């Protein structure tokens, strides 16, 4: 019977049971798509990273939510590399990671902080029905319209597309009561994986913004702390000219309203980079079911 080591690693935090928990399977060589999906479903966290040998990079990764594969995941990337560094499987420095959106550079600093270079950003302005958005997210429509001129709705991507929406105050973000079916339909209608709701009204004075991210269509009702959406939002902020001078580094806070607080560092320059710490919360083995599947990943 096949067993594999699995970990739950909390990303974008230095405290266990905070931030965003990612599944990590450090040796997924030979697992089929159906087997990886079954493991991700069993771990039941927003994403699980499965590490494989690569023909073009230091390693390959595939990411699965409990219901489907996704092309990119920031917090699971940070979690996986923090684990590899902690195990002395990699040294500090830059490591190439093969993903479904191409090979990306992952930098690990001497103290274990992980920086992920994301795919080249795109930002596409979209027309939204703010009454529909209000109903879907459970957010006052006036809070959305108050900032719509300066922060227009857009679909931004650094590997995964998100519908980015601003509101005026933290109360609107924290009080959101999303209708998962309506949010999934809203995201799908705009070609987005999920909806990223944010405000410049923050809990910490050093933070740039506070956000929540909802992706029920991808099997994630709410993601506690989101790396890919943070990178996409960083690109969005530059695109819409949210600052007279874009800060060299921003801090995005997320997760307080689901009791999983975390912090994401975002740098937007020639490339978009997101960074954070991670800590292992659980380390064990899982029995992998024998599932017939024609697609088995090979380097």
Protein backbone atom coordinates (compact mmCIF):
# COMPACT_ATOMS: atom_id res chain seq x y z
CA UNK A 1 0.00 0.00 0.00
CA UNK A 2 1.38 3.41 -1.06
CA UNK A 3 1.88 5.98 1.68
CA UNK A 4 3.27 9.48 1.27
CA UNK A 5 4.52 12.08 3.71
CA UNK A 6 2.13 15.01 4.01
CA UNK A 7 2.37 18.24 5.97
CA UNK A 8 0.12 21.10 6.87
CA UNK A 9 2.20 24.26 6.75
CA UNK A 10 0.76 27.62 7.81
CA UNK A 11 1.88 30.33 5.39
CA UNK A 12 2.15 34.10 5.74
CA UNK A 13 2.61 33.76 9.47
CA UNK A 14 5.26 32.74 11.99
CA UNK A 15 2.62 31.40 14.38
CA UNK A 16 1.11 27.93 14.01
CA UNK A 17 -2.65 27.74 13.44
CA UNK A 18 -2.69 31.22 11.91
CA UNK A 19 -2.21 32.43 8.35
CA UNK A 20 -3.26 30.08 5.57
CA UNK A 21 -2.78 26.34 5.92
CA UNK A 22 -1.41 24.58 2.86
CA UNK A 23 -1.00 20.90 2.29
CA UNK A 24 2.48 19.92 1.15
CA UNK A 25 3.39 16.55 -0.37
CA UNK A 26 7.19 16.77 -0.74
CA UNK A 27 7.45 13.59 -2.83
CA UNK A 28 4.52 13.22 -5.23
CA UNK A 29 6.50 11.46 -7.96
CA UNK A 30 4.32 8.87 -9.70
CA UNK A 31 1.00 10.02 -8.29
CA UNK A 32 -1.82 10.35 -10.78
CA UNK A 33 -4.11 13.34 -11.06
CA UNK A 34 -6.92 11.41 -9.40
CA UNK A 35 -4.67 10.38 -6.52
CA UNK A 36 -3.50 13.95 -5.97
CA UNK A 37 -7.08 15.15 -6.05
CA UNK A 38 -8.07 12.50 -3.50
CA UNK A 39 -5.25 13.55 -1.16
CA UNK A 40 -6.18 17.22 -1.50
CA UNK A 41 -9.79 16.38 -0.77
CA UNK A 42 -8.77 14.46 2.34
CA UNK A 43 -6.51 17.25 3.65
CA UNK A 44 -9.38 19.68 3.02
CA UNK A 45 -7.34 22.89 3.05
CA UNK A 46 -7.67 25.55 0.36
CA UNK A 47 -4.71 24.22 -1.67
CA UNK A 48 -2.23 21.36 -1.49
CA UNK A 49 1.13 21.52 -3.28
CA UNK A 50 2.44 18.29 -4.82
CA UNK A 51 6.18 18.39 -5.59
CA UNK A 52 7.57 16.39 -8.53
CA UNK A 53 10.84 16.14 -10.45
CA UNK A 54 11.14 18.64 -13.28
CA UNK A 55 12.84 18.60 -16.65
CA UNK A 56 13.18 22.40 -16.82
CA UNK A 57 13.49 23.60 -13.22
CA UNK A 58 14.65 22.48 -9.78
CA UNK A 59 11.26 20.90 -9.15
CA UNK A 60 7.72 20.91 -10.46
CA UNK A 61 4.59 21.65 -8.47
CA UNK A 62 0.92 21.00 -9.06
CA UNK A 63 -1.74 22.60 -6.89
CA UNK A 64 -5.13 21.14 -6.00
CA UNK A 65 -8.04 22.56 -4.04
CA UNK A 66 -10.41 19.99 -2.52
CA UNK A 67 -12.37 20.01 -5.80
CA UNK A 68 -10.03 20.87 -8.69
CA UNK A 69 -6.54 21.66 -9.92
CA UNK A 70 -5.48 25.32 -10.08
CA UNK A 71 -2.55 26.70 -12.04
CA UNK A 72 -0.88 28.74 -9.32
CA UNK A 73 -1.01 29.20 -5.56
CA UNK A 74 1.09 31.67 -3.60
CA UNK A 75 0.62 30.46 -0.05
CA UNK A 76 1.25 26.81 -0.94
CA UNK A 77 4.44 27.82 -2.78
CA UNK A 78 5.66 29.73 0.27
CA UNK A 79 4.70 26.80 2.50
CA UNK A 80 6.48 24.21 0.35
CA UNK A 81 9.74 26.15 0.12
CA UNK A 82 9.73 27.05 3.80
CA UNK A 83 9.40 23.32 4.54
CA UNK A 84 12.21 22.38 2.13
CA UNK A 85 14.47 25.00 3.72
CA UNK A 86 13.61 23.84 7.23
CA UNK A 87 14.48 20.25 6.20
CA UNK A 88 17.81 21.39 4.68
CA UNK A 89 16.58 20.03 1.36
CA UNK A 90 17.37 23.42 -0.21
CA UNK A 91 19.76 26.22 0.69
CA UNK A 92 19.10 29.92 0.83
CA UNK A 93 19.08 31.40 -2.65
CA UNK A 94 16.98 31.37 -5.80
CA UNK A 95 15.25 28.18 -6.93
CA UNK A 96 13.40 27.55 -10.20
CA UNK A 97 9.90 26.14 -9.88
CA UNK A 98 7.98 24.66 -12.81
CA UNK A 99 4.26 25.51 -12.63
CA UNK A 100 1.34 25.33 -15.03
CA UNK A 101 1.94 29.02 -15.85
CA UNK A 102 5.66 28.57 -16.53
CA UNK A 103 8.91 28.43 -14.60
CA UNK A 104 9.07 30.91 -11.71
CA UNK A 105 11.88 32.04 -9.43
CA UNK A 106 11.48 31.39 -5.70
CA UNK A 107 13.97 33.06 -3.36
CA UNK A 108 14.60 31.84 0.17
CA UNK A 109 16.56 34.17 2.44
CA UNK A 110 19.07 33.08 5.06
CA UNK A 111 16.43 33.39 7.78
CA UNK A 112 13.81 31.36 5.88
CA UNK A 113 11.66 34.14 4.42
CA UNK A 114 10.27 33.07 1.03
CA UNK A 115 9.77 35.38 -1.96
CA UNK A 116 7.79 34.15 -4.95
CA UNK A 117 8.12 35.81 -8.35
CA UNK A 118 4.76 35.51 -10.04
CA UNK A 119 3.77 35.45 -13.70
CA UNK A 120 3.71 38.67 -15.72
CA UNK A 121 0.70 40.72 -14.58
CA UNK A 122 -2.37 41.63 -16.57
CA UNK A 123 -5.10 44.03 -15.48
CA UNK A 124 -8.39 44.22 -17.38
CA UNK A 125 -10.97 46.86 -16.36
CA UNK A 126 -14.52 45.49 -16.23
CA UNK A 127 -17.98 46.96 -15.88
CA UNK A 128 -19.78 45.52 -12.89
CA UNK A 129 -23.30 45.87 -11.61
CA UNK A 130 -22.62 47.18 -8.10
CA UNK A 131 -26.09 46.22 -6.92
CA UNK A 132 -25.34 42.65 -7.96
CA UNK A 133 -21.91 42.79 -6.30
CA UNK A 134 -23.49 44.15 -3.13
CA UNK A 135 -26.03 41.32 -3.00
CA UNK A 136 -23.42 38.64 -3.78
CA UNK A 137 -20.87 39.79 -1.19
CA UNK A 138 -23.25 41.13 1.44
CA UNK A 139 -21.51 44.50 1.32
CA UNK A 140 -23.31 47.89 1.35
CA UNK A 141 -23.54 49.16 -2.20
CA UNK A 142 -22.64 52.67 -1.04
CA UNK A 143 -19.31 51.34 0.27
CA UNK A 144 -18.49 50.00 -3.19
CA UNK A 145 -19.63 53.08 -5.08
CA UNK A 146 -17.77 55.43 -2.71
CA UNK A 147 -14.42 54.36 -4.16
CA UNK A 148 -15.45 53.19 -7.62
CA UNK A 149 -14.10 56.27 -9.43
CA UNK A 150 -10.61 55.97 -7.92
CA UNK A 151 -10.57 52.17 -7.62
CA UNK A 152 -12.55 50.84 -10.59
CA UNK A 153 -13.39 47.17 -10.79
CA UNK A 154 -10.89 45.08 -12.73
CA UNK A 155 -9.80 41.50 -13.28
CA UNK A 156 -6.11 41.28 -12.36
CA UNK A 157 -3.84 38.28 -12.71
CA UNK A 158 -0.29 37.23 -11.96
CA UNK A 159 -1.07 33.65 -12.87
CA UNK A 160 -4.65 33.38 -11.61
CA UNK A 161 -7.34 35.99 -12.40
CA UNK A 162 -9.24 37.73 -9.60
CA UNK A 163 -12.04 40.26 -9.70
CA UNK A 164 -10.59 43.09 -7.58
CA UNK A 165 -13.06 45.36 -5.79
CA UNK A 166 -12.40 48.18 -3.34
CA UNK A 167 -14.61 49.49 -0.53
CA UNK A 168 -14.33 52.51 1.72
CA UNK A 169 -14.01 51.15 5.26
CA UNK A 170 -12.86 48.04 7.14
CA UNK A 171 -16.37 47.58 8.52
CA UNK A 172 -17.60 46.78 5.01
CA UNK A 173 -14.90 44.15 4.48
CA UNK A 174 -15.33 42.57 7.90
CA UNK A 175 -19.10 42.60 7.67
CA UNK A 176 -19.25 40.90 4.28
CA UNK A 177 -21.67 37.95 4.23
CA UNK A 178 -21.11 36.32 0.85
CA UNK A 179 -23.67 34.21 -0.95
CA UNK A 180 -21.37 31.49 -2.28
CA UNK A 181 -23.48 30.64 -5.33
CA UNK A 182 -23.82 34.30 -6.28
CA UNK A 183 -20.10 34.96 -5.75
CA UNK A 184 -19.17 31.95 -7.88
CA UNK A 185 -21.45 33.18 -10.67
CA UNK A 186 -20.09 36.74 -10.39
CA UNK A 187 -16.50 35.55 -10.67
CA UNK A 188 -17.31 33.19 -13.52
CA UNK A 189 -19.12 35.87 -15.51
CA UNK A 190 -15.98 38.01 -15.38
CA UNK A 191 -13.55 35.19 -16.14
CA UNK A 192 -12.09 35.20 -12.62
CA UNK A 193 -11.13 32.47 -10.19
CA UNK A 194 -12.41 34.47 -7.22
CA UNK A 195 -13.28 37.88 -5.83
CA UNK A 196 -10.72 39.96 -3.89
CA UNK A 197 -12.35 42.59 -1.68
CA UNK A 198 -10.10 45.20 -0.08
CA UNK A 199 -9.91 48.52 1.74
CA UNK A 200 -7.12 50.90 2.67
CA UNK A 201 -8.69 51.10 6.15
CA UNK A 202 -6.40 48.71 8.07
CA UNK A 203 -5.94 47.20 11.51
CA UNK A 204 -2.17 47.76 11.60
CA UNK A 205 -0.73 51.18 10.88
CA UNK A 206 2.10 49.63 8.84
CA UNK A 207 -0.29 47.73 6.55
CA UNK A 208 -1.24 49.01 3.11
CA UNK A 209 -4.64 47.36 2.90
CA UNK A 210 -6.94 44.76 4.43
CA UNK A 211 -8.53 42.12 2.23
CA UNK A 212 -10.73 39.05 2.01
CA UNK A 213 -10.85 36.61 -0.92
CA UNK A 214 -13.74 34.38 -1.94
CA UNK A 215 -13.42 31.62 -4.57
CA UNK A 216 -16.34 29.22 -4.06
CA UNK A 217 -16.31 28.26 -7.73
CA UNK A 218 -12.84 26.77 -7.19
CA UNK A 219 -13.89 24.97 -4.02
CA UNK A 220 -12.63 27.67 -1.61
CA UNK A 221 -15.46 29.53 0.10
CA UNK A 222 -12.96 31.96 1.66
CA UNK A 223 -9.20 31.81 1.54
CA UNK A 224 -7.66 33.10 4.79
CA UNK A 225 -4.52 34.72 3.30
CA UNK A 226 -3.97 34.69 -0.46
CA UNK A 227 -0.60 35.04 -2.21
CA UNK A 228 -1.70 34.99 -5.84
CA UNK A 229 -4.54 37.45 -5.23
CA UNK A 230 -2.20 39.73 -3.27
CA UNK A 231 0.19 39.80 -6.21
CA UNK A 232 -2.67 40.48 -8.59
CA UNK A 233 -3.90 43.31 -6.36
CA UNK A 234 -0.40 44.80 -6.23
CA UNK A 235 -0.38 44.91 -10.03
CA UNK A 236 -3.88 46.40 -9.97
CA UNK A 237 -2.84 49.19 -7.58
CA UNK A 238 -0.05 50.20 -9.96
CA UNK A 239 -2.37 50.02 -12.96
CA UNK A 240 -5.05 52.30 -11.49
CA UNK A 241 -2.52 54.75 -10.00
CA UNK A 242 -3.69 54.21 -6.44
CA UNK A 243 -0.58 56.02 -5.11
CA UNK A 244 1.33 59.05 -6.30
CA UNK A 245 4.42 56.90 -5.85
CA UNK A 246 3.90 53.17 -5.48
CA UNK A 247 5.69 51.94 -2.32
CA UNK A 248 8.71 49.73 -2.93
CA UNK A 249 7.13 47.18 -0.60
CA UNK A 250 3.60 46.84 0.68
CA UNK A 251 2.06 44.78 3.44
CA UNK A 252 -1.39 43.28 2.91
CA UNK A 253 -3.29 42.00 5.94
CA UNK A 254 -5.90 39.28 5.68
CA UNK A 255 -7.50 36.50 7.69
CA UNK A 256 -8.62 38.26 10.86
CA UNK A 257 -12.29 37.73 10.07
CA UNK A 258 -11.84 33.95 9.85
CA UNK A 259 -9.51 33.80 12.89
CA UNK A 260 -6.44 33.06 10.71
CA UNK A 261 -4.53 36.37 10.64
CA UNK A 262 -1.62 36.66 8.24
CA UNK A 263 0.54 39.19 6.45
CA UNK A 264 1.71 39.18 2.82
CA UNK A 265 4.59 41.30 1.58
CA UNK A 266 4.16 42.55 -2.00
CA UNK A 267 6.71 44.15 -4.32
CA UNK A 268 5.71 45.45 -7.74
CA UNK A 269 8.56 46.32 -10.09
CA UNK A 270 9.80 44.68 -13.27
CA UNK A 271 8.08 41.62 -11.82
CA UNK A 272 5.50 41.06 -9.08
CA UNK A 273 6.84 39.31 -6.00
CA UNK A 274 4.99 38.18 -2.90
CA UNK A 275 6.67 37.00 0.27
CA UNK A 276 6.08 35.62 3.71
CA UNK A 277 7.05 33.19 6.41
CA UNK A 278 5.59 29.79 7.15
CA UNK A 279 5.54 27.30 10.01
CA UNK A 280 4.77 23.57 10.05
CA UNK A 281 1.68 22.65 12.04
CA UNK A 282 1.32 18.95 11.20
CA UNK A 283 3.67 16.30 9.80
CA UNK A 284 2.60 12.72 9.05
CA UNK A 285 1.79 10.09 6.45
CA UNK A 286 -1.27 9.46 4.33
CA UNK A 287 -2.42 6.30 2.59
CA UNK A 288 -2.85 7.01 -1.12
CA UNK A 289 -5.75 5.17 -2.74
CA UNK A 290 -5.14 3.00 -5.79
CA UNK A 291 -7.12 4.86 -8.46
CA UNK A 292 -7.12 4.05 -12.14
CA UNK A 293 -5.98 7.15 -14.04
CA UNK A 294 -4.22 7.49 -17.36
CA UNK A 295 -2.50 10.75 -16.43
CA UNK A 296 0.56 10.18 -14.25
CA UNK A 297 2.99 13.07 -14.09
CA UNK A 298 6.43 12.46 -15.50
CA UNK A 299 9.31 14.91 -15.60
